Amino acid sequence: KLEGETTVAENNVKETPTYELAKHVGFVFQNPENQLFALSVEKDV
């Protein structure tokens, strides 16, 4: 249950799909292994 508003780079987060928000916001997780899965570093990047 979410109440209230969040605006990021002039986008209303509730109304903006995540693929669109990804152009404005990058997220680095606590454990890097959670976001690395390719066979080489450059493919991951």
ModelCIF file with pLDDT and N, C-alpha, C, O atoms, coordinates in Angstrom:
data_MODEL
#
_entry.id   MODEL 
#
_entity.id                         1 
_entity.type                       polymer 
_entity.pdbx_number_of_molecules   1 
#
_entity_poly.entity_id                      1 
_entity_poly.type                           'polypeptide(L)' 
_entity_poly.nstd_linkage                   no 
_entity_poly.nstd_monomer                   no 
_entity_poly.pdbx_seq_one_letter_code       KLEGETTVAENNVKETPTYELAKHVGFVFQNPENQLFALSVEKDV 
_entity_poly.pdbx_seq_one_letter_code_can   KLEGETTVAENNVKETPTYELAKHVGFVFQNPENQLFALSVEKDV 
_entity_poly.pdbx_strand_id                 A 
#
loop_
_entity_poly_seq.entity_id 
_entity_poly_seq.num 
_entity_poly_seq.mon_id 
_entity_poly_seq.hetero 
1 1  LYS n 
1 2  LEU n 
1 3  GLU n 
1 4  GLY n 
1 5  GLU n 
1 6  THR n 
1 7  THR n 
1 8  VAL n 
1 9  ALA n 
1 10 GLU n 
1 11 ASN n 
1 12 ASN n 
1 13 VAL n 
1 14 LYS n 
1 15 GLU n 
1 16 THR n 
1 17 PRO n 
1 18 THR n 
1 19 TYR n 
1 20 GLU n 
1 21 LEU n 
1 22 ALA n 
1 23 LYS n 
1 24 HIS n 
1 25 VAL n 
1 26 GLY n 
1 27 PHE n 
1 28 VAL n 
1 29 PHE n 
1 30 GLN n 
1 31 ASN n 
1 32 PRO n 
1 33 GLU n 
1 34 ASN n 
1 35 GLN n 
1 36 LEU n 
1 37 PHE n 
1 38 ALA n 
1 39 LEU n 
1 40 SER n 
1 41 VAL n 
1 42 GLU n 
1 43 LYS n 
1 44 ASP n 
1 45 VAL n 
#
_struct_asym.id          A 
_struct_asym.entity_id   1 
#
loop_
_ma_qa_metric.id 
_ma_qa_metric.mode 
_ma_qa_metric.name 
_ma_qa_metric.software_group_id 
_ma_qa_metric.type 
1 global pLDDT . pLDDT 
2 local  pLDDT . pLDDT 
#
_ma_qa_metric_global.metric_id      1 
_ma_qa_metric_global.metric_value   91.31 
_ma_qa_metric_global.model_id       1 
_ma_qa_metric_global.ordinal_id     1 
#
loop_
_ma_qa_metric_local.label_asym_id 
_ma_qa_metric_local.label_comp_id 
_ma_qa_metric_local.label_seq_id 
_ma_qa_metric_local.metric_id 
_ma_qa_metric_local.metric_value 
_ma_qa_metric_local.model_id 
_ma_qa_metric_local.ordinal_id 
A LYS 1  2 95.00 1 1  
A LEU 2  2 96.00 1 2  
A GLU 3  2 96.00 1 3  
A GLY 4  2 97.00 1 4  
A GLU 5  2 96.00 1 5  
A THR 6  2 97.00 1 6  
A THR 7  2 97.00 1 7  
A VAL 8  2 96.00 1 8  
A ALA 9  2 95.00 1 9  
A GLU 10 2 94.00 1 10 
A ASN 11 2 95.00 1 11 
A ASN 12 2 96.00 1 12 
A VAL 13 2 96.00 1 13 
A LYS 14 2 95.00 1 14 
A GLU 15 2 95.00 1 15 
A THR 16 2 95.00 1 16 
A PRO 17 2 93.00 1 17 
A THR 18 2 90.00 1 18 
A TYR 19 2 87.00 1 19 
A GLU 20 2 90.00 1 20 
A LEU 21 2 92.00 1 21 
A ALA 22 2 88.00 1 22 
A LYS 23 2 88.00 1 23 
A HIS 24 2 93.00 1 24 
A VAL 25 2 95.00 1 25 
A GLY 26 2 93.00 1 26 
A PHE 27 2 93.00 1 27 
A VAL 28 2 90.00 1 28 
A PHE 29 2 85.00 1 29 
A GLN 30 2 82.00 1 30 
A ASN 31 2 82.00 1 31 
A PRO 32 2 82.00 1 32 
A GLU 33 2 80.00 1 33 
A ASN 34 2 79.00 1 34 
A GLN 35 2 81.00 1 35 
A LEU 36 2 86.00 1 36 
A PHE 37 2 85.00 1 37 
A ALA 38 2 88.00 1 38 
A LEU 39 2 89.00 1 39 
A SER 40 2 94.00 1 40 
A VAL 41 2 95.00 1 41 
A GLU 42 2 95.00 1 42 
A LYS 43 2 94.00 1 43 
A ASP 44 2 94.00 1 44 
A VAL 45 2 95.00 1 45 
#
loop_
_atom_site.group_PDB 
_atom_site.id 
_atom_site.type_symbol 
_atom_site.label_atom_id 
_atom_site.label_alt_id 
_atom_site.label_comp_id 
_atom_site.label_asym_id 
_atom_site.label_entity_id 
_atom_site.label_seq_id 
_atom_site.pdbx_PDB_ins_code 
_atom_site.Cartn_x 
_atom_site.Cartn_y 
_atom_site.Cartn_z 
_atom_site.occupancy 
_atom_site.B_iso_or_equiv 
_atom_site.pdbx_formal_charge 
_atom_site.auth_seq_id 
_atom_site.auth_comp_id 
_atom_site.auth_asym_id 
_atom_site.auth_atom_id 
_atom_site.pdbx_PDB_model_num 
ATOM 1   N N  . LYS A 1 1  ? 0.850  -1.207  0.000   1.00 95.00 ? 1  LYS A N  1 
ATOM 2   C CA . LYS A 1 1  ? 0.000  0.000   0.000   1.00 95.00 ? 1  LYS A CA 1 
ATOM 3   C C  . LYS A 1 1  ? 0.876  1.245   0.000   1.00 95.00 ? 1  LYS A C  1 
ATOM 4   O O  . LYS A 1 1  ? 1.664  1.458   0.922   1.00 95.00 ? 1  LYS A O  1 
ATOM 5   N N  . LEU A 1 2  ? 0.736  2.062   -1.033  1.00 96.00 ? 2  LEU A N  1 
ATOM 6   C CA . LEU A 1 2  ? 1.538  3.278   -1.176  1.00 96.00 ? 2  LEU A CA 1 
ATOM 7   C C  . LEU A 1 2  ? 0.636  4.500   -1.152  1.00 96.00 ? 2  LEU A C  1 
ATOM 8   O O  . LEU A 1 2  ? -0.355 4.577   -1.879  1.00 96.00 ? 2  LEU A O  1 
ATOM 9   N N  . GLU A 1 3  ? 1.001  5.460   -0.295  1.00 96.00 ? 3  GLU A N  1 
ATOM 10  C CA . GLU A 1 3  ? 0.283  6.742   -0.250  1.00 96.00 ? 3  GLU A CA 1 
ATOM 11  C C  . GLU A 1 3  ? 1.299  7.864   -0.399  1.00 96.00 ? 3  GLU A C  1 
ATOM 12  O O  . GLU A 1 3  ? 2.476  7.692   -0.082  1.00 96.00 ? 3  GLU A O  1 
ATOM 13  N N  . GLY A 1 4  ? 0.842  9.012   -0.882  1.00 97.00 ? 4  GLY A N  1 
ATOM 14  C CA . GLY A 1 4  ? 1.738  10.149  -1.072  1.00 97.00 ? 4  GLY A CA 1 
ATOM 15  C C  . GLY A 1 4  ? 2.324  10.157  -2.481  1.00 97.00 ? 4  GLY A C  1 
ATOM 16  O O  . GLY A 1 4  ? 1.911  9.383   -3.345  1.00 97.00 ? 4  GLY A O  1 
ATOM 17  N N  . GLU A 1 5  ? 3.295  11.049  -2.696  1.00 96.00 ? 5  GLU A N  1 
ATOM 18  C CA . GLU A 1 5  ? 3.845  11.235  -4.049  1.00 96.00 ? 5  GLU A CA 1 
ATOM 19  C C  . GLU A 1 5  ? 5.358  11.155  -4.065  1.00 96.00 ? 5  GLU A C  1 
ATOM 20  O O  . GLU A 1 5  ? 6.024  11.535  -3.102  1.00 96.00 ? 5  GLU A O  1 
ATOM 21  N N  . THR A 1 6  ? 5.900  10.648  -5.184  1.00 97.00 ? 6  THR A N  1 
ATOM 22  C CA . THR A 1 6  ? 7.342  10.685  -5.438  1.00 97.00 ? 6  THR A CA 1 
ATOM 23  C C  . THR A 1 6  ? 7.548  11.206  -6.853  1.00 97.00 ? 6  THR A C  1 
ATOM 24  O O  . THR A 1 6  ? 6.965  10.690  -7.806  1.00 97.00 ? 6  THR A O  1 
ATOM 25  N N  . THR A 1 7  ? 8.380  12.229  -6.980  1.00 97.00 ? 7  THR A N  1 
ATOM 26  C CA . THR A 1 7  ? 8.729  12.776  -8.294  1.00 97.00 ? 7  THR A CA 1 
ATOM 27  C C  . THR A 1 7  ? 10.231 12.652  -8.476  1.00 97.00 ? 7  THR A C  1 
ATOM 28  O O  . THR A 1 7  ? 11.002 13.068  -7.612  1.00 97.00 ? 7  THR A O  1 
ATOM 29  N N  . VAL A 1 8  ? 10.650 12.078  -9.603  1.00 96.00 ? 8  VAL A N  1 
ATOM 30  C CA . VAL A 1 8  ? 12.077 11.927  -9.912  1.00 96.00 ? 8  VAL A CA 1 
ATOM 31  C C  . VAL A 1 8  ? 12.320 12.453  -11.324 1.00 96.00 ? 8  VAL A C  1 
ATOM 32  O O  . VAL A 1 8  ? 11.716 11.977  -12.286 1.00 96.00 ? 8  VAL A O  1 
ATOM 33  N N  . ALA A 1 9  ? 13.209 13.439  -11.438 1.00 95.00 ? 9  ALA A N  1 
ATOM 34  C CA . ALA A 1 9  ? 13.520 14.055  -12.741 1.00 95.00 ? 9  ALA A CA 1 
ATOM 35  C C  . ALA A 1 9  ? 12.233 14.435  -13.471 1.00 95.00 ? 9  ALA A C  1 
ATOM 36  O O  . ALA A 1 9  ? 12.081 14.189  -14.667 1.00 95.00 ? 9  ALA A O  1 
ATOM 37  N N  . GLU A 1 10 ? 11.311 15.041  -12.720 1.00 94.00 ? 10 GLU A N  1 
ATOM 38  C CA . GLU A 1 10 ? 10.022 15.533  -13.222 1.00 94.00 ? 10 GLU A CA 1 
ATOM 39  C C  . GLU A 1 10 ? 9.063  14.420  -13.646 1.00 94.00 ? 10 GLU A C  1 
ATOM 40  O O  . GLU A 1 10 ? 8.059  14.686  -14.308 1.00 94.00 ? 10 GLU A O  1 
ATOM 41  N N  . ASN A 1 11 ? 9.367  13.174  -13.269 1.00 95.00 ? 11 ASN A N  1 
ATOM 42  C CA . ASN A 1 11 ? 8.467  12.051  -13.553 1.00 95.00 ? 11 ASN A CA 1 
ATOM 43  C C  . ASN A 1 11 ? 7.746  11.633  -12.283 1.00 95.00 ? 11 ASN A C  1 
ATOM 44  O O  . ASN A 1 11 ? 8.371  11.441  -11.240 1.00 95.00 ? 11 ASN A O  1 
ATOM 45  N N  . ASN A 1 12 ? 6.422  11.491  -12.374 1.00 96.00 ? 12 ASN A N  1 
ATOM 46  C CA . ASN A 1 12 ? 5.650  10.934  -11.266 1.00 96.00 ? 12 ASN A CA 1 
ATOM 47  C C  . ASN A 1 12 ? 5.889  9.426   -11.265 1.00 96.00 ? 12 ASN A C  1 
ATOM 48  O O  . ASN A 1 12 ? 5.508  8.732   -12.207 1.00 96.00 ? 12 ASN A O  1 
ATOM 49  N N  . VAL A 1 13 ? 6.530  8.917   -10.188 1.00 96.00 ? 13 VAL A N  1 
ATOM 50  C CA . VAL A 1 13 ? 6.969  7.515   -10.162 1.00 96.00 ? 13 VAL A CA 1 
ATOM 51  C C  . VAL A 1 13 ? 5.787  6.543   -10.286 1.00 96.00 ? 13 VAL A C  1 
ATOM 52  O O  . VAL A 1 13 ? 5.912  5.498   -10.925 1.00 96.00 ? 13 VAL A O  1 
ATOM 53  N N  . LYS A 1 14 ? 4.659  6.877   -9.688  1.00 95.00 ? 14 LYS A N  1 
ATOM 54  C CA . LYS A 1 14 ? 3.487  5.992   -9.759  1.00 95.00 ? 14 LYS A CA 1 
ATOM 55  C C  . LYS A 1 14 ? 3.028  5.792   -11.209 1.00 95.00 ? 14 LYS A C  1 
ATOM 56  O O  . LYS A 1 14 ? 2.573  4.714   -11.590 1.00 95.00 ? 14 LYS A O  1 
ATOM 57  N N  . GLU A 1 15 ? 3.159  6.859   -12.004 1.00 95.00 ? 15 GLU A N  1 
ATOM 58  C CA . GLU A 1 15 ? 2.599  6.836   -13.364 1.00 95.00 ? 15 GLU A CA 1 
ATOM 59  C C  . GLU A 1 15 ? 3.645  6.517   -14.435 1.00 95.00 ? 15 GLU A C  1 
ATOM 60  O O  . GLU A 1 15 ? 3.307  6.422   -15.615 1.00 95.00 ? 15 GLU A O  1 
ATOM 61  N N  . THR A 1 16 ? 4.911  6.350   -14.036 1.00 95.00 ? 16 THR A N  1 
ATOM 62  C CA . THR A 1 16 ? 5.989  6.153   -15.013 1.00 95.00 ? 16 THR A CA 1 
ATOM 63  C C  . THR A 1 16 ? 6.509  4.723   -14.934 1.00 95.00 ? 16 THR A C  1 
ATOM 64  O O  . THR A 1 16 ? 6.886  4.272   -13.853 1.00 95.00 ? 16 THR A O  1 
ATOM 65  N N  . PRO A 1 17 ? 6.539  3.994   -16.059 1.00 93.00 ? 17 PRO A N  1 
ATOM 66  C CA . PRO A 1 17 ? 7.037  2.610   -16.007 1.00 93.00 ? 17 PRO A CA 1 
ATOM 67  C C  . PRO A 1 17 ? 8.521  2.550   -15.642 1.00 93.00 ? 17 PRO A C  1 
ATOM 68  O O  . PRO A 1 17 ? 9.259  3.511   -15.860 1.00 93.00 ? 17 PRO A O  1 
ATOM 69  N N  . THR A 1 18 ? 8.948  1.425   -15.091 1.00 90.00 ? 18 THR A N  1 
ATOM 70  C CA . THR A 1 18 ? 10.330 1.309   -14.600 1.00 90.00 ? 18 THR A CA 1 
ATOM 71  C C  . THR A 1 18 ? 11.358 1.455   -15.718 1.00 90.00 ? 18 THR A C  1 
ATOM 72  O O  . THR A 1 18 ? 12.440 1.994   -15.484 1.00 90.00 ? 18 THR A O  1 
ATOM 73  N N  . TYR A 1 19 ? 11.043 0.982   -16.941 1.00 87.00 ? 19 TYR A N  1 
ATOM 74  C CA . TYR A 1 19 ? 12.025 1.103   -18.028 1.00 87.00 ? 19 TYR A CA 1 
ATOM 75  C C  . TYR A 1 19 ? 12.274 2.569   -18.376 1.00 87.00 ? 19 TYR A C  1 
ATOM 76  O O  . TYR A 1 19 ? 13.364 2.932   -18.818 1.00 87.00 ? 19 TYR A O  1 
ATOM 77  N N  . GLU A 1 20 ? 11.262 3.406   -18.175 1.00 90.00 ? 20 GLU A N  1 
ATOM 78  C CA . GLU A 1 20 ? 11.424 4.846   -18.428 1.00 90.00 ? 20 GLU A CA 1 
ATOM 79  C C  . GLU A 1 20 ? 12.219 5.487   -17.294 1.00 90.00 ? 20 GLU A C  1 
ATOM 80  O O  . GLU A 1 20 ? 13.088 6.324   -17.538 1.00 90.00 ? 20 GLU A O  1 
ATOM 81  N N  . LEU A 1 21 ? 11.925 5.096   -16.057 1.00 92.00 ? 21 LEU A N  1 
ATOM 82  C CA . LEU A 1 21 ? 12.670 5.624   -14.904 1.00 92.00 ? 21 LEU A CA 1 
ATOM 83  C C  . LEU A 1 21 ? 14.141 5.219   -14.963 1.00 92.00 ? 21 LEU A C  1 
ATOM 84  O O  . LEU A 1 21 ? 15.008 5.951   -14.484 1.00 92.00 ? 21 LEU A O  1 
ATOM 85  N N  . ALA A 1 22 ? 14.428 4.040   -15.557 1.00 88.00 ? 22 ALA A N  1 
ATOM 86  C CA . ALA A 1 22 ? 15.817 3.553   -15.654 1.00 88.00 ? 22 ALA A CA 1 
ATOM 87  C C  . ALA A 1 22 ? 16.698 4.487   -16.476 1.00 88.00 ? 22 ALA A C  1 
ATOM 88  O O  . ALA A 1 22 ? 17.921 4.450   -16.345 1.00 88.00 ? 22 ALA A O  1 
ATOM 89  N N  . LYS A 1 23 ? 16.100 5.321   -17.318 1.00 88.00 ? 23 LYS A N  1 
ATOM 90  C CA . LYS A 1 23 ? 16.878 6.297   -18.099 1.00 88.00 ? 23 LYS A CA 1 
ATOM 91  C C  . LYS A 1 23 ? 17.367 7.442   -17.213 1.00 88.00 ? 23 LYS A C  1 
ATOM 92  O O  . LYS A 1 23 ? 18.314 8.147   -17.563 1.00 88.00 ? 23 LYS A O  1 
ATOM 93  N N  . HIS A 1 24 ? 16.720 7.619   -16.072 1.00 93.00 ? 24 HIS A N  1 
ATOM 94  C CA . HIS A 1 24 ? 17.041 8.745   -15.166 1.00 93.00 ? 24 HIS A CA 1 
ATOM 95  C C  . HIS A 1 24 ? 17.737 8.298   -13.883 1.00 93.00 ? 24 HIS A C  1 
ATOM 96  O O  . HIS A 1 24 ? 18.538 9.037   -13.310 1.00 93.00 ? 24 HIS A O  1 
ATOM 97  N N  . VAL A 1 25 ? 17.420 7.068   -13.435 1.00 95.00 ? 25 VAL A N  1 
ATOM 98  C CA . VAL A 1 25 ? 17.905 6.600   -12.126 1.00 95.00 ? 25 VAL A CA 1 
ATOM 99  C C  . VAL A 1 25 ? 18.612 5.263   -12.265 1.00 95.00 ? 25 VAL A C  1 
ATOM 100 O O  . VAL A 1 25 ? 18.060 4.316   -12.825 1.00 95.00 ? 25 VAL A O  1 
ATOM 101 N N  . GLY A 1 26 ? 19.839 5.186   -11.753 1.00 93.00 ? 26 GLY A N  1 
ATOM 102 C CA . GLY A 1 26 ? 20.568 3.926   -11.697 1.00 93.00 ? 26 GLY A CA 1 
ATOM 103 C C  . GLY A 1 26 ? 20.652 3.455   -10.256 1.00 93.00 ? 26 GLY A C  1 
ATOM 104 O O  . GLY A 1 26 ? 20.789 4.269   -9.342  1.00 93.00 ? 26 GLY A O  1 
ATOM 105 N N  . PHE A 1 27 ? 20.571 2.137   -10.043 1.00 93.00 ? 27 PHE A N  1 
ATOM 106 C CA . PHE A 1 27 ? 20.548 1.583   -8.683  1.00 93.00 ? 27 PHE A CA 1 
ATOM 107 C C  . PHE A 1 27 ? 21.680 0.568   -8.539  1.00 93.00 ? 27 PHE A C  1 
ATOM 108 O O  . PHE A 1 27 ? 21.756 -0.393  -9.305  1.00 93.00 ? 27 PHE A O  1 
ATOM 109 N N  . VAL A 1 28 ? 22.561 0.782   -7.555  1.00 90.00 ? 28 VAL A N  1 
ATOM 110 C CA . VAL A 1 28 ? 23.627 -0.175  -7.256  1.00 90.00 ? 28 VAL A CA 1 
ATOM 111 C C  . VAL A 1 28 ? 23.255 -0.880  -5.959  1.00 90.00 ? 28 VAL A C  1 
ATOM 112 O O  . VAL A 1 28 ? 23.106 -0.243  -4.917  1.00 90.00 ? 28 VAL A O  1 
ATOM 113 N N  . PHE A 1 29 ? 23.108 -2.194  -6.029  1.00 85.00 ? 29 PHE A N  1 
ATOM 114 C CA . PHE A 1 29 ? 22.620 -2.957  -4.881  1.00 85.00 ? 29 PHE A CA 1 
ATOM 115 C C  . PHE A 1 29 ? 23.732 -3.246  -3.875  1.00 85.00 ? 29 PHE A C  1 
ATOM 116 O O  . PHE A 1 29 ? 24.917 -3.073  -4.159  1.00 85.00 ? 29 PHE A O  1 
ATOM 117 N N  . GLN A 1 30 ? 23.311 -3.690  -2.695  1.00 82.00 ? 30 GLN A N  1 
ATOM 118 C CA . GLN A 1 30 ? 24.233 -3.974  -1.600  1.00 82.00 ? 30 GLN A CA 1 
ATOM 119 C C  . GLN A 1 30 ? 25.229 -5.061  -1.984  1.00 82.00 ? 30 GLN A C  1 
ATOM 120 O O  . GLN A 1 30 ? 26.424 -4.940  -1.714  1.00 82.00 ? 30 GLN A O  1 
ATOM 121 N N  . ASN A 1 31 ? 24.734 -6.118  -2.611  1.00 82.00 ? 31 ASN A N  1 
ATOM 122 C CA . ASN A 1 31 ? 25.599 -7.223  -3.021  1.00 82.00 ? 31 ASN A CA 1 
ATOM 123 C C  . ASN A 1 31 ? 25.747 -7.192  -4.540  1.00 82.00 ? 31 ASN A C  1 
ATOM 124 O O  . ASN A 1 31 ? 24.777 -7.458  -5.249  1.00 82.00 ? 31 ASN A O  1 
ATOM 125 N N  . PRO A 1 32 ? 26.949 -6.872  -5.066  1.00 82.00 ? 32 PRO A N  1 
ATOM 126 C CA . PRO A 1 32 ? 27.107 -6.740  -6.517  1.00 82.00 ? 32 PRO A CA 1 
ATOM 127 C C  . PRO A 1 32 ? 26.773 -8.013  -7.280  1.00 82.00 ? 32 PRO A C  1 
ATOM 128 O O  . PRO A 1 32 ? 26.398 -7.954  -8.451  1.00 82.00 ? 32 PRO A O  1 
ATOM 129 N N  . GLU A 1 33 ? 26.908 -9.175  -6.621  1.00 80.00 ? 33 GLU A N  1 
ATOM 130 C CA . GLU A 1 33 ? 26.606 -10.439 -7.308  1.00 80.00 ? 33 GLU A CA 1 
ATOM 131 C C  . GLU A 1 33 ? 25.140 -10.511 -7.750  1.00 80.00 ? 33 GLU A C  1 
ATOM 132 O O  . GLU A 1 33 ? 24.792 -11.261 -8.662  1.00 80.00 ? 33 GLU A O  1 
ATOM 133 N N  . ASN A 1 34 ? 24.281 -9.711  -7.079  1.00 79.00 ? 34 ASN A N  1 
ATOM 134 C CA . ASN A 1 34 ? 22.858 -9.716  -7.435  1.00 79.00 ? 34 ASN A CA 1 
ATOM 135 C C  . ASN A 1 34 ? 22.596 -9.070  -8.786  1.00 79.00 ? 34 ASN A C  1 
ATOM 136 O O  . ASN A 1 34 ? 21.537 -9.291  -9.373  1.00 79.00 ? 34 ASN A O  1 
ATOM 137 N N  . GLN A 1 35 ? 23.545 -8.268  -9.301  1.00 81.00 ? 35 GLN A N  1 
ATOM 138 C CA . GLN A 1 35 ? 23.290 -7.625  -10.588 1.00 81.00 ? 35 GLN A CA 1 
ATOM 139 C C  . GLN A 1 35 ? 24.348 -7.949  -11.642 1.00 81.00 ? 35 GLN A C  1 
ATOM 140 O O  . GLN A 1 35 ? 24.383 -7.320  -12.699 1.00 81.00 ? 35 GLN A O  1 
ATOM 141 N N  . LEU A 1 36 ? 25.209 -8.925  -11.358 1.00 86.00 ? 36 LEU A N  1 
ATOM 142 C CA . LEU A 1 36 ? 26.204 -9.352  -12.341 1.00 86.00 ? 36 LEU A CA 1 
ATOM 143 C C  . LEU A 1 36 ? 25.925 -10.804 -12.739 1.00 86.00 ? 36 LEU A C  1 
ATOM 144 O O  . LEU A 1 36 ? 25.816 -11.675 -11.877 1.00 86.00 ? 36 LEU A O  1 
ATOM 145 N N  . PHE A 1 37 ? 25.812 -11.060 -14.033 1.00 85.00 ? 37 PHE A N  1 
ATOM 146 C CA . PHE A 1 37 ? 25.436 -12.417 -14.459 1.00 85.00 ? 37 PHE A CA 1 
ATOM 147 C C  . PHE A 1 37 ? 26.025 -12.798 -15.814 1.00 85.00 ? 37 PHE A C  1 
ATOM 148 O O  . PHE A 1 37 ? 25.948 -13.964 -16.199 1.00 85.00 ? 37 PHE A O  1 
ATOM 149 N N  . ALA A 1 38 ? 26.613 -11.850 -16.551 1.00 88.00 ? 38 ALA A N  1 
ATOM 150 C CA . ALA A 1 38 ? 27.125 -12.142 -17.893 1.00 88.00 ? 38 ALA A CA 1 
ATOM 151 C C  . ALA A 1 38 ? 28.455 -12.887 -17.810 1.00 88.00 ? 38 ALA A C  1 
ATOM 152 O O  . ALA A 1 38 ? 29.018 -13.063 -16.730 1.00 88.00 ? 38 ALA A O  1 
ATOM 153 N N  . LEU A 1 39 ? 28.949 -13.323 -18.982 1.00 89.00 ? 39 LEU A N  1 
ATOM 154 C CA . LEU A 1 39 ? 30.183 -14.110 -19.032 1.00 89.00 ? 39 LEU A CA 1 
ATOM 155 C C  . LEU A 1 39 ? 31.435 -13.242 -18.983 1.00 89.00 ? 39 LEU A C  1 
ATOM 156 O O  . LEU A 1 39 ? 32.529 -13.736 -18.710 1.00 89.00 ? 39 LEU A O  1 
ATOM 157 N N  . SER A 1 40 ? 31.274 -11.947 -19.248 1.00 94.00 ? 40 SER A N  1 
ATOM 158 C CA . SER A 1 40 ? 32.431 -11.042 -19.160 1.00 94.00 ? 40 SER A CA 1 
ATOM 159 C C  . SER A 1 40 ? 31.985 -9.710  -18.577 1.00 94.00 ? 40 SER A C  1 
ATOM 160 O O  . SER A 1 40 ? 30.804 -9.366  -18.602 1.00 94.00 ? 40 SER A O  1 
ATOM 161 N N  . VAL A 1 41 ? 32.960 -8.965  -18.049 1.00 95.00 ? 41 VAL A N  1 
ATOM 162 C CA . VAL A 1 41 ? 32.694 -7.655  -17.445 1.00 95.00 ? 41 VAL A CA 1 
ATOM 163 C C  . VAL A 1 41 ? 32.051 -6.720  -18.462 1.00 95.00 ? 41 VAL A C  1 
ATOM 164 O O  . VAL A 1 41 ? 31.048 -6.074  -18.157 1.00 95.00 ? 41 VAL A O  1 
ATOM 165 N N  . GLU A 1 42 ? 32.619 -6.637  -19.679 1.00 95.00 ? 42 GLU A N  1 
ATOM 166 C CA . GLU A 1 42 ? 32.076 -5.665  -20.636 1.00 95.00 ? 42 GLU A CA 1 
ATOM 167 C C  . GLU A 1 42 ? 30.659 -6.032  -21.086 1.00 95.00 ? 42 GLU A C  1 
ATOM 168 O O  . GLU A 1 42 ? 29.862 -5.148  -21.398 1.00 95.00 ? 42 GLU A O  1 
ATOM 169 N N  . LYS A 1 43 ? 30.341 -7.339  -21.122 1.00 94.00 ? 43 LYS A N  1 
ATOM 170 C CA . LYS A 1 43 ? 28.970 -7.727  -21.482 1.00 94.00 ? 43 LYS A CA 1 
ATOM 171 C C  . LYS A 1 43 ? 27.987 -7.317  -20.391 1.00 94.00 ? 43 LYS A C  1 
ATOM 172 O O  . LYS A 1 43 ? 26.856 -6.926  -20.680 1.00 94.00 ? 43 LYS A O  1 
ATOM 173 N N  . ASP A 1 44 ? 28.426 -7.409  -19.126 1.00 94.00 ? 44 ASP A N  1 
ATOM 174 C CA . ASP A 1 44 ? 27.582 -6.960  -18.019 1.00 94.00 ? 44 ASP A CA 1 
ATOM 175 C C  . ASP A 1 44 ? 27.328 -5.457  -18.114 1.00 94.00 ? 44 ASP A C  1 
ATOM 176 O O  . ASP A 1 44 ? 26.206 -4.992  -17.914 1.00 94.00 ? 44 ASP A O  1 
ATOM 177 N N  . VAL A 1 45 ? 28.383 -4.708  -18.422 1.00 95.00 ? 45 VAL A N  1 
ATOM 178 C CA . VAL A 1 45 ? 28.260 -3.244  -18.503 1.00 95.00 ? 45 VAL A CA 1 
ATOM 179 C C  . VAL A 1 45 ? 27.373 -2.845  -19.684 1.00 95.00 ? 45 VAL A C  1 
ATOM 180 O O  . VAL A 1 45 ? 27.151 -1.657  -19.916 1.00 95.00 ? 45 VAL A O  1 
#
